[in-house]
């Protein structure tokens, strides 16, 4: 293998470099955040019993996890929810659920 095969081609003037691409990505991320959009949002259906576990790469021990019930059955359980956050996971503790009560959740921090 020749040494020349390891060389990267020079970017053309109209092609963004890696640094420019990162700047474009960061600008879009900040714009999305400014508009109220975050990547740490998802849906969960409570499992039967008293605990449900959610996994997400943005969760950590100091996360604040907020819930929004998506049905009347979920709203009835909303006041009994408390969360134990962990690294990339959170345990939702709740009163006895029939299973399938749907919530949307968002994690901050």
PDB file of N, CA and C in Angstrom:
ATOM      1  N   UNK A   1       0.850  -1.175   0.000  1.00  0.00           N
ATOM      2  CA  UNK A   1       0.000   0.000   0.000  1.00  0.00           C
ATOM      3  C   UNK A   1       0.895   1.238   0.000  1.00  0.00           C
ATOM      4  N   UNK A   2       0.622   2.139  -0.894  1.00  0.00           N
ATOM      5  CA  UNK A   2       1.436   3.346  -0.969  1.00  0.00           C
ATOM      6  C   UNK A   2       0.981   4.352   0.081  1.00  0.00           C
ATOM      7  N   UNK A   3       1.869   5.244   0.432  1.00  0.00           N
ATOM      8  CA  UNK A   3       1.549   6.264   1.427  1.00  0.00           C
ATOM      9  C   UNK A   3       0.501   7.230   0.911  1.00  0.00           C
ATOM     10  N   UNK A   4       0.436   7.416  -0.381  1.00  0.00           N
ATOM     11  CA  UNK A   4      -0.502   8.379  -0.943  1.00  0.00           C
ATOM     12  C   UNK A   4      -1.949   7.938  -0.747  1.00  0.00           C
ATOM     13  N   UNK A   5      -2.227   6.649  -0.602  1.00  0.00           N
ATOM     14  CA  UNK A   5      -3.604   6.200  -0.445  1.00  0.00           C
ATOM     15  C   UNK A   5      -4.184   6.597   0.908  1.00  0.00           C
ATOM     16  N   UNK A   6      -3.314   6.941   1.869  1.00  0.00           N
ATOM     17  CA  UNK A   6      -3.786   7.352   3.187  1.00  0.00           C
ATOM     18  C   UNK A   6      -4.092   8.841   3.279  1.00  0.00           C
ATOM     19  N   UNK A   7      -3.746   9.594   2.261  1.00  0.00           N
ATOM     20  CA  UNK A   7      -3.978  11.033   2.295  1.00  0.00           C
ATOM     21  C   UNK A   7      -5.444  11.337   2.012  1.00  0.00           C
ATOM     22  N   UNK A   8      -5.958  12.300   2.731  1.00  0.00           N
ATOM     23  CA  UNK A   8      -7.327  12.740   2.488  1.00  0.00           C
ATOM     24  C   UNK A   8      -7.341  13.760   1.367  1.00  0.00           C
ATOM     25  N   UNK A   9      -8.377  13.729   0.533  1.00  0.00           N
ATOM     26  CA  UNK A   9      -8.441  14.731  -0.540  1.00  0.00           C
ATOM     27  C   UNK A   9      -8.706  16.114   0.051  1.00  0.00           C
ATOM     28  N   UNK A  10      -8.211  17.131  -0.634  1.00  0.00           N
ATOM     29  CA  UNK A  10      -8.472  18.495  -0.204  1.00  0.00           C
ATOM     30  C   UNK A  10      -9.953  18.810  -0.407  1.00  0.00           C
ATOM     31  N   UNK A  11     -10.590  19.501   0.561  1.00  0.00           N
ATOM     32  CA  UNK A  11     -11.996  19.851   0.353  1.00  0.00           C
ATOM     33  C   UNK A  11     -12.115  20.891  -0.754  1.00  0.00           C
ATOM     34  N   UNK A  12     -13.158  20.779  -1.532  1.00  0.00           N
ATOM     35  CA  UNK A  12     -13.399  21.781  -2.566  1.00  0.00           C
ATOM     36  C   UNK A  12     -13.968  23.028  -1.889  1.00  0.00           C
ATOM     37  N   UNK A  13     -13.891  24.183  -2.509  1.00  0.00           N
ATOM     38  CA  UNK A  13     -14.372  25.416  -1.872  1.00  0.00           C
ATOM     39  C   UNK A  13     -15.840  25.377  -1.459  1.00  0.00           C
ATOM     40  N   UNK A  14     -16.676  24.613  -2.156  1.00  0.00           N
ATOM     41  CA  UNK A  14     -18.101  24.579  -1.842  1.00  0.00           C
ATOM     42  C   UNK A  14     -18.474  23.446  -0.886  1.00  0.00           C
ATOM     43  N   UNK A  15     -17.505  22.690  -0.410  1.00  0.00           N
ATOM     44  CA  UNK A  15     -17.765  21.574   0.504  1.00  0.00           C
ATOM     45  C   UNK A  15     -17.361  21.981   1.912  1.00  0.00           C
ATOM     46  N   UNK A  16     -18.289  21.924   2.879  1.00  0.00           N
ATOM     47  CA  UNK A  16     -17.924  22.291   4.243  1.00  0.00           C
ATOM     48  C   UNK A  16     -16.899  21.322   4.822  1.00  0.00           C
ATOM     49  N   UNK A  17     -15.960  21.856   5.558  1.00  0.00           N
ATOM     50  CA  UNK A  17     -14.975  21.018   6.229  1.00  0.00           C
ATOM     51  C   UNK A  17     -15.600  20.415   7.478  1.00  0.00           C
ATOM     52  N   UNK A  18     -14.868  19.545   8.162  1.00  0.00           N
ATOM     53  CA  UNK A  18     -15.375  18.941   9.383  1.00  0.00           C
ATOM     54  C   UNK A  18     -15.719  19.981  10.429  1.00  0.00           C
ATOM     55  N   UNK A  19     -14.885  21.015  10.554  1.00  0.00           N
ATOM     56  CA  UNK A  19     -15.140  22.069  11.538  1.00  0.00           C
ATOM     57  C   UNK A  19     -16.400  22.832  11.178  1.00  0.00           C
ATOM     58  N   UNK A  20     -16.564  23.151   9.906  1.00  0.00           N
ATOM     59  CA  UNK A  20     -17.761  23.872   9.465  1.00  0.00           C
ATOM     60  C   UNK A  20     -19.010  23.019   9.675  1.00  0.00           C
ATOM     61  N   UNK A  21     -18.903  21.714   9.428  1.00  0.00           N
ATOM     62  CA  UNK A  21     -20.049  20.833   9.641  1.00  0.00           C
ATOM     63  C   UNK A  21     -20.428  20.800  11.116  1.00  0.00           C
ATOM     64  N   UNK A  22     -19.445  20.774  12.009  1.00  0.00           N
ATOM     65  CA  UNK A  22     -19.722  20.787  13.455  1.00  0.00           C
ATOM     66  C   UNK A  22     -20.393  22.096  13.849  1.00  0.00           C
ATOM     67  N   UNK A  23     -19.943  23.212  13.265  1.00  0.00           N
ATOM     68  CA  UNK A  23     -20.548  24.501  13.571  1.00  0.00           C
ATOM     69  C   UNK A  23     -22.001  24.548  13.093  1.00  0.00           C
ATOM     70  N   UNK A  24     -22.278  23.980  11.936  1.00  0.00           N
ATOM     71  CA  UNK A  24     -23.644  23.930  11.426  1.00  0.00           C
ATOM     72  C   UNK A  24     -24.509  23.073  12.343  1.00  0.00           C
ATOM     73  N   UNK A  25     -23.992  21.917  12.765  1.00  0.00           N
ATOM     74  CA  UNK A  25     -24.730  21.028  13.670  1.00  0.00           C
ATOM     75  C   UNK A  25     -25.023  21.731  14.994  1.00  0.00           C
ATOM     76  N   UNK A  26     -24.024  22.408  15.559  1.00  0.00           N
ATOM     77  CA  UNK A  26     -24.221  23.118  16.829  1.00  0.00           C
ATOM     78  C   UNK A  26     -25.244  24.227  16.691  1.00  0.00           C
ATOM     79  N   UNK A  27     -25.199  24.963  15.603  1.00  0.00           N
ATOM     80  CA  UNK A  27     -26.165  26.046  15.393  1.00  0.00           C
ATOM     81  C   UNK A  27     -27.579  25.482  15.303  1.00  0.00           C
ATOM     82  N   UNK A  28     -27.750  24.363  14.612  1.00  0.00           N
ATOM     83  CA  UNK A  28     -29.077  23.756  14.510  1.00  0.00           C
ATOM     84  C   UNK A  28     -29.544  23.240  15.871  1.00  0.00           C
ATOM     85  N   UNK A  29     -28.621  22.664  16.642  1.00  0.00           N
ATOM     86  CA  UNK A  29     -28.977  22.163  17.973  1.00  0.00           C
ATOM     87  C   UNK A  29     -29.434  23.298  18.873  1.00  0.00           C
ATOM     88  N   UNK A  30     -28.723  24.413  18.861  1.00  0.00           N
ATOM     89  CA  UNK A  30     -29.115  25.558  19.682  1.00  0.00           C
ATOM     90  C   UNK A  30     -30.454  26.134  19.224  1.00  0.00           C
ATOM     91  N   UNK A  31     -30.686  26.148  17.912  1.00  0.00           N
ATOM     92  CA  UNK A  31     -31.959  26.643  17.400  1.00  0.00           C
ATOM     93  C   UNK A  31     -33.109  25.751  17.865  1.00  0.00           C
ATOM     94  N   UNK A  32     -32.911  24.432  17.810  1.00  0.00           N
ATOM     95  CA  UNK A  32     -33.939  23.495  18.281  1.00  0.00           C
ATOM     96  C   UNK A  32     -34.195  23.688  19.777  1.00  0.00           C
ATOM     97  N   UNK A  33     -33.136  23.850  20.558  1.00  0.00           N
ATOM     98  CA  UNK A  33     -33.273  24.060  21.994  1.00  0.00           C
ATOM     99  C   UNK A  33     -34.012  25.365  22.279  1.00  0.00           C
ATOM    100  N   UNK A  34     -33.694  26.415  21.548  1.00  0.00           N
ATOM    101  CA  UNK A  34     -34.357  27.704  21.717  1.00  0.00           C
ATOM    102  C   UNK A  34     -35.851  27.585  21.423  1.00  0.00           C
ATOM    103  N   UNK A  35     -36.202  26.708  20.483  1.00  0.00           N
ATOM    104  CA  UNK A  35     -37.606  26.525  20.115  1.00  0.00           C
ATOM    105  C   UNK A  35     -38.317  25.559  21.056  1.00  0.00           C
ATOM    106  N   UNK A  36     -37.610  25.084  22.091  1.00  0.00           N
ATOM    107  CA  UNK A  36     -38.236  24.226  23.084  1.00  0.00           C
ATOM    108  C   UNK A  36     -38.148  22.744  22.800  1.00  0.00           C
ATOM    109  N   UNK A  37     -37.356  22.363  21.842  1.00  0.00           N
ATOM    110  CA  UNK A  37     -37.230  20.939  21.496  1.00  0.00           C
ATOM    111  C   UNK A  37     -35.966  20.375  22.140  1.00  0.00           C
ATOM    112  N   UNK A  38     -36.139  19.252  22.830  1.00  0.00           N
ATOM    113  CA  UNK A  38     -34.992  18.560  23.422  1.00  0.00           C
ATOM    114  C   UNK A  38     -35.043  17.089  23.003  1.00  0.00           C
ATOM    115  N   UNK A  39     -33.902  16.429  23.047  1.00  0.00           N
ATOM    116  CA  UNK A  39     -33.827  15.036  22.616  1.00  0.00           C
ATOM    117  C   UNK A  39     -34.141  14.049  23.730  1.00  0.00           C
ATOM    118  N   UNK A  40     -34.392  14.543  24.921  1.00  0.00           N
ATOM    119  CA  UNK A  40     -34.625  13.641  26.052  1.00  0.00           C
ATOM    120  C   UNK A  40     -36.116  13.532  26.365  1.00  0.00           C
ATOM    121  N   UNK A  41     -36.908  13.284  25.338  1.00  0.00           N
ATOM    122  CA  UNK A  41     -38.365  13.157  25.460  1.00  0.00           C
ATOM    123  C   UNK A  41     -38.763  11.808  24.868  1.00  0.00           C
ATOM    124  N   UNK A  42     -39.704  11.129  25.518  1.00  0.00           N
ATOM    125  CA  UNK A  42     -40.135   9.829  25.027  1.00  0.00           C
ATOM    126  C   UNK A  42     -41.487   9.480  25.623  1.00  0.00           C
ATOM    127  N   UNK A  43     -42.032   8.344  25.251  1.00  0.00           N
ATOM    128  CA  UNK A  43     -43.283   7.826  25.806  1.00  0.00           C
ATOM    129  C   UNK A  43     -42.987   6.555  26.589  1.00  0.00           C
ATOM    130  N   UNK A  44     -43.821   6.284  27.579  1.00  0.00           N
ATOM    131  CA  UNK A  44     -43.693   5.058  28.360  1.00  0.00           C
ATOM    132  C   UNK A  44     -45.086   4.579  28.743  1.00  0.00           C
ATOM    133  N   UNK A  45     -45.257   3.274  28.753  1.00  0.00           N
ATOM    134  CA  UNK A  45     -46.488   2.661  29.255  1.00  0.00           C
ATOM    135  C   UNK A  45     -46.116   1.939  30.542  1.00  0.00           C
ATOM    136  N   UNK A  46     -46.821   2.242  31.626  1.00  0.00           N
ATOM    137  CA  UNK A  46     -46.509   1.608  32.902  1.00  0.00           C
ATOM    138  C   UNK A  46     -46.746   0.111  32.825  1.00  0.00           C
ATOM    139  N   UNK A  47     -45.854  -0.629  33.459  1.00  0.00           N
ATOM    140  CA  UNK A  47     -46.044  -2.079  33.513  1.00  0.00           C
ATOM    141  C   UNK A  47     -46.909  -2.423  34.716  1.00  0.00           C
ATOM    142  N   UNK A  48     -47.450  -3.627  34.695  1.00  0.00           N
ATOM    143  CA  UNK A  48     -48.262  -4.059  35.834  1.00  0.00           C
ATOM    144  C   UNK A  48     -47.370  -4.127  37.063  1.00  0.00           C
ATOM    145  N   UNK A  49     -47.927  -3.882  38.203  1.00  0.00           N
ATOM    146  CA  UNK A  49     -47.138  -3.859  39.428  1.00  0.00           C
ATOM    147  C   UNK A  49     -46.884  -2.435  39.874  1.00  0.00           C
ATOM    148  N   UNK A  50     -45.752  -2.214  40.545  1.00  0.00           N
ATOM    149  CA  UNK A  50     -45.495  -0.900  41.137  1.00  0.00           C
ATOM    150  C   UNK A  50     -44.221  -0.229  40.644  1.00  0.00           C
ATOM    151  N   UNK A  51     -43.492  -0.826  39.698  1.00  0.00           N
ATOM    152  CA  UNK A  51     -42.302  -0.181  39.140  1.00  0.00           C
ATOM    153  C   UNK A  51     -42.240  -0.389  37.639  1.00  0.00           C
ATOM    154  N   UNK A  52     -41.722   0.620  36.972  1.00  0.00           N
ATOM    155  CA  UNK A  52     -41.479   0.560  35.533  1.00  0.00           C
ATOM    156  C   UNK A  52     -40.121   1.183  35.304  1.00  0.00           C
ATOM    157  N   UNK A  53     -39.307   0.578  34.466  1.00  0.00           N
ATOM    158  CA  UNK A  53     -37.960   1.082  34.206  1.00  0.00           C
ATOM    159  C   UNK A  53     -37.901   1.663  32.801  1.00  0.00           C
ATOM    160  N   UNK A  54     -37.318   2.870  32.697  1.00  0.00           N
ATOM    161  CA  UNK A  54     -37.077   3.466  31.382  1.00  0.00           C
ATOM    162  C   UNK A  54     -35.568   3.593  31.201  1.00  0.00           C
ATOM    163  N   UNK A  55     -35.135   3.410  29.982  1.00  0.00           N
ATOM    164  CA  UNK A  55     -33.717   3.537  29.638  1.00  0.00           C
ATOM    165  C   UNK A  55     -33.571   4.600  28.562  1.00  0.00           C
ATOM    166  N   UNK A  56     -32.607   5.477  28.746  1.00  0.00           N
ATOM    167  CA  UNK A  56     -32.347   6.528  27.757  1.00  0.00           C
ATOM    168  C   UNK A  56     -30.913   7.005  27.960  1.00  0.00           C
ATOM    169  N   UNK A  57     -30.160   7.228  26.893  1.00  0.00           N
ATOM    170  CA  UNK A  57     -28.756   7.617  27.049  1.00  0.00           C
ATOM    171  C   UNK A  57     -28.550   8.969  27.723  1.00  0.00           C
ATOM    172  N   UNK A  58     -29.556   9.844  27.762  1.00  0.00           N
ATOM    173  CA  UNK A  58     -29.402  11.160  28.368  1.00  0.00           C
ATOM    174  C   UNK A  58     -29.743  11.180  29.852  1.00  0.00           C
ATOM    175  N   UNK A  59     -30.226  10.089  30.411  1.00  0.00           N
ATOM    176  CA  UNK A  59     -30.568  10.050  31.831  1.00  0.00           C
ATOM    177  C   UNK A  59     -29.313   9.879  32.688  1.00  0.00           C
ATOM    178  N   UNK A  60     -29.312  10.523  33.853  1.00  0.00           N
ATOM    179  CA  UNK A  60     -28.244  10.317  34.831  1.00  0.00           C
ATOM    180  C   UNK A  60     -28.789  10.575  36.216  1.00  0.00           C
ATOM    181  N   UNK A  61     -27.941  10.431  37.217  1.00  0.00           N
ATOM    182  CA  UNK A  61     -28.376  10.482  38.609  1.00  0.00           C
ATOM    183  C   UNK A  61     -29.025  11.805  39.012  1.00  0.00           C
ATOM    184  N   UNK A  62     -28.695  12.894  38.338  1.00  0.00           N
ATOM    185  CA  UNK A  62     -29.232  14.208  38.690  1.00  0.00           C
ATOM    186  C   UNK A  62     -30.347  14.671  37.759  1.00  0.00           C
ATOM    187  N   UNK A  63     -30.842  13.792  36.919  1.00  0.00           N
ATOM    188  CA  UNK A  63     -31.916  14.155  35.990  1.00  0.00           C
ATOM    189  C   UNK A  63     -33.208  14.454  36.738  1.00  0.00           C
ATOM    190  N   UNK A  64     -33.950  15.410  36.216  1.00  0.00           N
ATOM    191  CA  UNK A  64     -35.309  15.678  36.675  1.00  0.00           C
ATOM    192  C   UNK A  64     -36.226  15.134  35.592  1.00  0.00           C
ATOM    193  N   UNK A  65     -37.050  14.142  35.942  1.00  0.00           N
ATOM    194  CA  UNK A  65     -37.917  13.495  34.967  1.00  0.00           C
ATOM    195  C   UNK A  65     -39.353  13.938  35.237  1.00  0.00           C
ATOM    196  N   UNK A  66     -39.988  14.489  34.195  1.00  0.00           N
ATOM    197  CA  UNK A  66     -41.356  14.992  34.306  1.00  0.00           C
ATOM    198  C   UNK A  66     -42.282  14.152  33.438  1.00  0.00           C
ATOM    199  N   UNK A  67     -43.517  13.996  33.880  1.00  0.00           N
ATOM    200  CA  UNK A  67     -44.476  13.145  33.193  1.00  0.00           C
ATOM    201  C   UNK A  67     -45.731  13.906  32.805  1.00  0.00           C
ATOM    202  N   UNK A  68     -46.337  13.486  31.691  1.00  0.00           N
ATOM    203  CA  UNK A  68     -47.621  14.003  31.258  1.00  0.00           C
ATOM    204  C   UNK A  68     -48.503  12.802  30.913  1.00  0.00           C
ATOM    205  N   UNK A  69     -49.613  12.608  31.655  1.00  0.00           N
ATOM    206  CA  UNK A  69     -50.485  11.476  31.344  1.00  0.00           C
ATOM    207  C   UNK A  69     -51.143  11.648  29.979  1.00  0.00           C
ATOM    208  N   UNK A  70     -51.306  10.526  29.275  1.00  0.00           N
ATOM    209  CA  UNK A  70     -51.900  10.555  27.941  1.00  0.00           C
ATOM    210  C   UNK A  70     -53.284   9.924  27.901  1.00  0.00           C
ATOM    211  N   UNK A  71     -53.817   9.561  29.073  1.00  0.00           N
ATOM    212  CA  UNK A  71     -55.167   8.980  29.128  1.00  0.00           C
ATOM    213  C   UNK A  71     -55.743   9.225  30.513  1.00  0.00           C
ATOM    214  N   UNK A  72     -57.031   9.007  30.668  1.00  0.00           N
ATOM    215  CA  UNK A  72     -57.673   9.185  31.967  1.00  0.00           C
ATOM    216  C   UNK A  72     -57.125   8.181  32.980  1.00  0.00           C
ATOM    217  N   UNK A  73     -56.856   6.968  32.535  1.00  0.00           N
ATOM    218  CA  UNK A  73     -56.295   5.958  33.443  1.00  0.00           C
ATOM    219  C   UNK A  73     -54.912   6.376  33.934  1.00  0.00           C
ATOM    220  N   UNK A  74     -54.114   6.956  33.052  1.00  0.00           N
ATOM    221  CA  UNK A  74     -52.791   7.433  33.446  1.00  0.00           C
ATOM    222  C   UNK A  74     -52.906   8.627  34.385  1.00  0.00           C
ATOM    223  N   UNK A  75     -53.859   9.512  34.130  1.00  0.00           N
ATOM    224  CA  UNK A  75     -54.052  10.681  34.994  1.00  0.00           C
ATOM    225  C   UNK A  75     -54.407  10.263  36.413  1.00  0.00           C
ATOM    226  N   UNK A  76     -55.140   9.175  36.553  1.00  0.00           N
ATOM    227  CA  UNK A  76     -55.511   8.698  37.883  1.00  0.00           C
ATOM    228  C   UNK A  76     -54.291   8.239  38.672  1.00  0.00           C
ATOM    229  N   UNK A  77     -53.243   7.785  37.980  1.00  0.00           N
ATOM    230  CA  UNK A  77     -52.016   7.325  38.655  1.00  0.00           C
ATOM    231  C   UNK A  77     -50.951   8.409  38.770  1.00  0.00           C
ATOM    232  N   UNK A  78     -51.151   9.535  38.101  1.00  0.00           N
ATOM    233  CA  UNK A  78     -50.104  10.560  38.021  1.00  0.00           C
ATOM    234  C   UNK A  78     -49.655  11.059  39.393  1.00  0.00           C
ATOM    235  N   UNK A  79     -50.562  11.194  40.332  1.00  0.00           N
ATOM    236  CA  UNK A  79     -50.185  11.733  41.640  1.00  0.00           C
ATOM    237  C   UNK A  79     -49.401  10.733  42.476  1.00  0.00           C
ATOM    238  N   UNK A  80     -49.344   9.474  42.054  1.00  0.00           N
ATOM    239  CA  UNK A  80     -48.635   8.465  42.842  1.00  0.00           C
ATOM    240  C   UNK A  80     -47.252   8.139  42.277  1.00  0.00           C
ATOM    241  N   UNK A  81     -46.787   8.914  41.301  1.00  0.00           N
ATOM    242  CA  UNK A  81     -45.506   8.620  40.657  1.00  0.00           C
ATOM    243  C   UNK A  81     -44.363   9.348  41.353  1.00  0.00           C
ATOM    244  N   UNK A  82     -43.271   8.621  41.600  1.00  0.00           N
ATOM    245  CA  UNK A  82     -42.007   9.230  41.975  1.00  0.00           C
ATOM    246  C   UNK A  82     -40.911   8.465  41.264  1.00  0.00           C
ATOM    247  N   UNK A  83     -39.801   9.135  41.004  1.00  0.00           N
ATOM    248  CA  UNK A  83     -38.761   8.589  40.132  1.00  0.00           C
ATOM    249  C   UNK A  83     -37.442   8.461  40.880  1.00  0.00           C
ATOM    250  N   UNK A  84     -36.755   7.354  40.627  1.00  0.00           N
ATOM    251  CA  UNK A  84     -35.394   7.149  41.121  1.00  0.00           C
ATOM    252  C   UNK A  84     -34.485   7.128  39.896  1.00  0.00           C
ATOM    253  N   UNK A  85     -33.798   8.264  39.598  1.00  0.00           N
ATOM    254  CA  UNK A  85     -32.945   8.305  38.406  1.00  0.00           C
ATOM    255  C   UNK A  85     -31.614   7.604  38.653  1.00  0.00           C
ATOM    256  N   UNK A  86     -31.032   7.114  37.581  1.00  0.00           N
ATOM    257  CA  UNK A  86     -29.722   6.482  37.617  1.00  0.00           C
ATOM    258  C   UNK A  86     -28.992   6.762  36.326  1.00  0.00           C
ATOM    259  N   UNK A  87     -27.857   6.126  36.128  1.00  0.00           N
ATOM    260  CA  UNK A  87     -27.064   6.331  34.928  1.00  0.00           C
ATOM    261  C   UNK A  87     -27.718   5.624  33.745  1.00  0.00           C
ATOM    262  N   UNK A  88     -28.216   6.404  32.789  1.00  0.00           N
ATOM    263  CA  UNK A  88     -28.898   5.933  31.581  1.00  0.00           C
ATOM    264  C   UNK A  88     -30.186   5.165  31.872  1.00  0.00           C
ATOM    265  N   UNK A  89     -30.725   5.296  33.074  1.00  0.00           N
ATOM    266  CA  UNK A  89     -31.956   4.600  33.435  1.00  0.00           C
ATOM    267  C   UNK A  89     -32.699   5.389  34.497  1.00  0.00           C
ATOM    268  N   UNK A  90     -33.961   5.122  34.633  1.00  0.00           N
ATOM    269  CA  UNK A  90     -34.769   5.699  35.707  1.00  0.00           C
ATOM    270  C   UNK A  90     -35.840   4.685  36.076  1.00  0.00           C
ATOM    271  N   UNK A  91     -36.053   4.530  37.373  1.00  0.00           N
ATOM    272  CA  UNK A  91     -37.102   3.646  37.850  1.00  0.00           C
ATOM    273  C   UNK A  91     -38.305   4.490  38.225  1.00  0.00           C
ATOM    274  N   UNK A  92     -39.435   4.224  37.588  1.00  0.00           N
ATOM    275  CA  UNK A  92     -40.680   4.918  37.900  1.00  0.00           C
ATOM    276  C   UNK A  92     -41.396   4.084  38.949  1.00  0.00           C
ATOM    277  N   UNK A  93     -41.545   4.644  40.127  1.00  0.00           N
ATOM    278  CA  UNK A  93     -42.308   3.992  41.190  1.00  0.00           C
ATOM    279  C   UNK A  93     -43.724   4.540  41.139  1.00  0.00           C
ATOM    280  N   UNK A  94     -44.712   3.669  41.219  1.00  0.00           N
ATOM    281  CA  UNK A  94     -46.101   4.107  41.104  1.00  0.00           C
ATOM    282  C   UNK A  94     -46.989   3.159  41.889  1.00  0.00           C
ATOM    283  N   UNK A  95     -48.205   3.620  42.150  1.00  0.00           N
ATOM    284  CA  UNK A  95     -49.157   2.726  42.797  1.00  0.00           C
ATOM    285  C   UNK A  95     -49.509   1.619  41.803  1.00  0.00           C
ATOM    286  N   UNK A  96     -50.151   0.596  42.270  1.00  0.00           N
ATOM    287  CA  UNK A  96     -50.426  -0.579  41.456  1.00  0.00           C
ATOM    288  C   UNK A  96     -51.123  -0.198  40.150  1.00  0.00           C
ATOM    289  N   UNK A  97     -50.497  -0.568  39.047  1.00  0.00           N
ATOM    290  CA  UNK A  97     -51.029  -0.232  37.722  1.00  0.00           C
ATOM    291  C   UNK A  97     -51.596  -1.479  37.064  1.00  0.00           C
ATOM    292  N   UNK A  98     -52.613  -1.275  36.272  1.00  0.00           N
ATOM    293  CA  UNK A  98     -53.187  -2.381  35.509  1.00  0.00           C
ATOM    294  C   UNK A  98     -52.278  -2.758  34.352  1.00  0.00           C
ATOM    295  N   UNK A  99     -51.442  -1.809  33.950  1.00  0.00           N
ATOM    296  CA  UNK A  99     -50.546  -2.011  32.816  1.00  0.00           C
ATOM    297  C   UNK A  99     -51.057  -1.292  31.596  1.00  0.00           C
ATOM    298  N   UNK A 100     -50.175  -0.598  30.914  1.00  0.00           N
ATOM    299  CA  UNK A 100     -50.550   0.092  29.697  1.00  0.00           C
ATOM    300  C   UNK A 100     -50.926   1.557  29.877  1.00  0.00           C
ATOM    301  N   UNK A 101     -50.937   2.077  31.115  1.00  0.00           N
ATOM    302  CA  UNK A 101     -51.215   3.507  31.300  1.00  0.00           C
ATOM    303  C   UNK A 101     -50.076   4.293  30.660  1.00  0.00           C
ATOM    304  N   UNK A 102     -50.420   5.126  29.682  1.00  0.00           N
ATOM    305  CA  UNK A 102     -49.403   5.782  28.857  1.00  0.00           C
ATOM    306  C   UNK A 102     -49.090   7.194  29.362  1.00  0.00           C
ATOM    307  N   UNK A 103     -47.795   7.507  29.385  1.00  0.00           N
ATOM    308  CA  UNK A 103     -47.293   8.822  29.750  1.00  0.00           C
ATOM    309  C   UNK A 103     -46.256   9.255  28.713  1.00  0.00           C
ATOM    310  N   UNK A 104     -46.146  10.551  28.517  1.00  0.00           N
ATOM    311  CA  UNK A 104     -44.984  11.140  27.849  1.00  0.00           C
ATOM    312  C   UNK A 104     -44.081  11.639  28.956  1.00  0.00           C
ATOM    313  N   UNK A 105     -42.770  11.571  28.725  1.00  0.00           N
ATOM    314  CA  UNK A 105     -41.854  12.055  29.757  1.00  0.00           C
ATOM    315  C   UNK A 105     -40.742  12.864  29.109  1.00  0.00           C
ATOM    316  N   UNK A 106     -40.184  13.761  29.914  1.00  0.00           N
ATOM    317  CA  UNK A 106     -39.045  14.572  29.499  1.00  0.00           C
ATOM    318  C   UNK A 106     -38.053  14.604  30.644  1.00  0.00           C
ATOM    319  N   UNK A 107     -36.787  14.538  30.329  1.00  0.00           N
ATOM    320  CA  UNK A 107     -35.738  14.595  31.343  1.00  0.00           C
ATOM    321  C   UNK A 107     -34.895  15.834  31.110  1.00  0.00           C
ATOM    322  N   UNK A 108     -34.623  16.540  32.182  1.00  0.00           N
ATOM    323  CA  UNK A 108     -33.763  17.726  32.139  1.00  0.00           C
ATOM    324  C   UNK A 108     -32.628  17.555  33.124  1.00  0.00           C
ATOM    325  N   UNK A 109     -31.548  18.239  32.853  1.00  0.00           N
ATOM    326  CA  UNK A 109     -30.427  18.236  33.792  1.00  0.00           C
ATOM    327  C   UNK A 109     -29.397  17.206  33.485  1.00  0.00           C
TER     328      UNK A 109
END
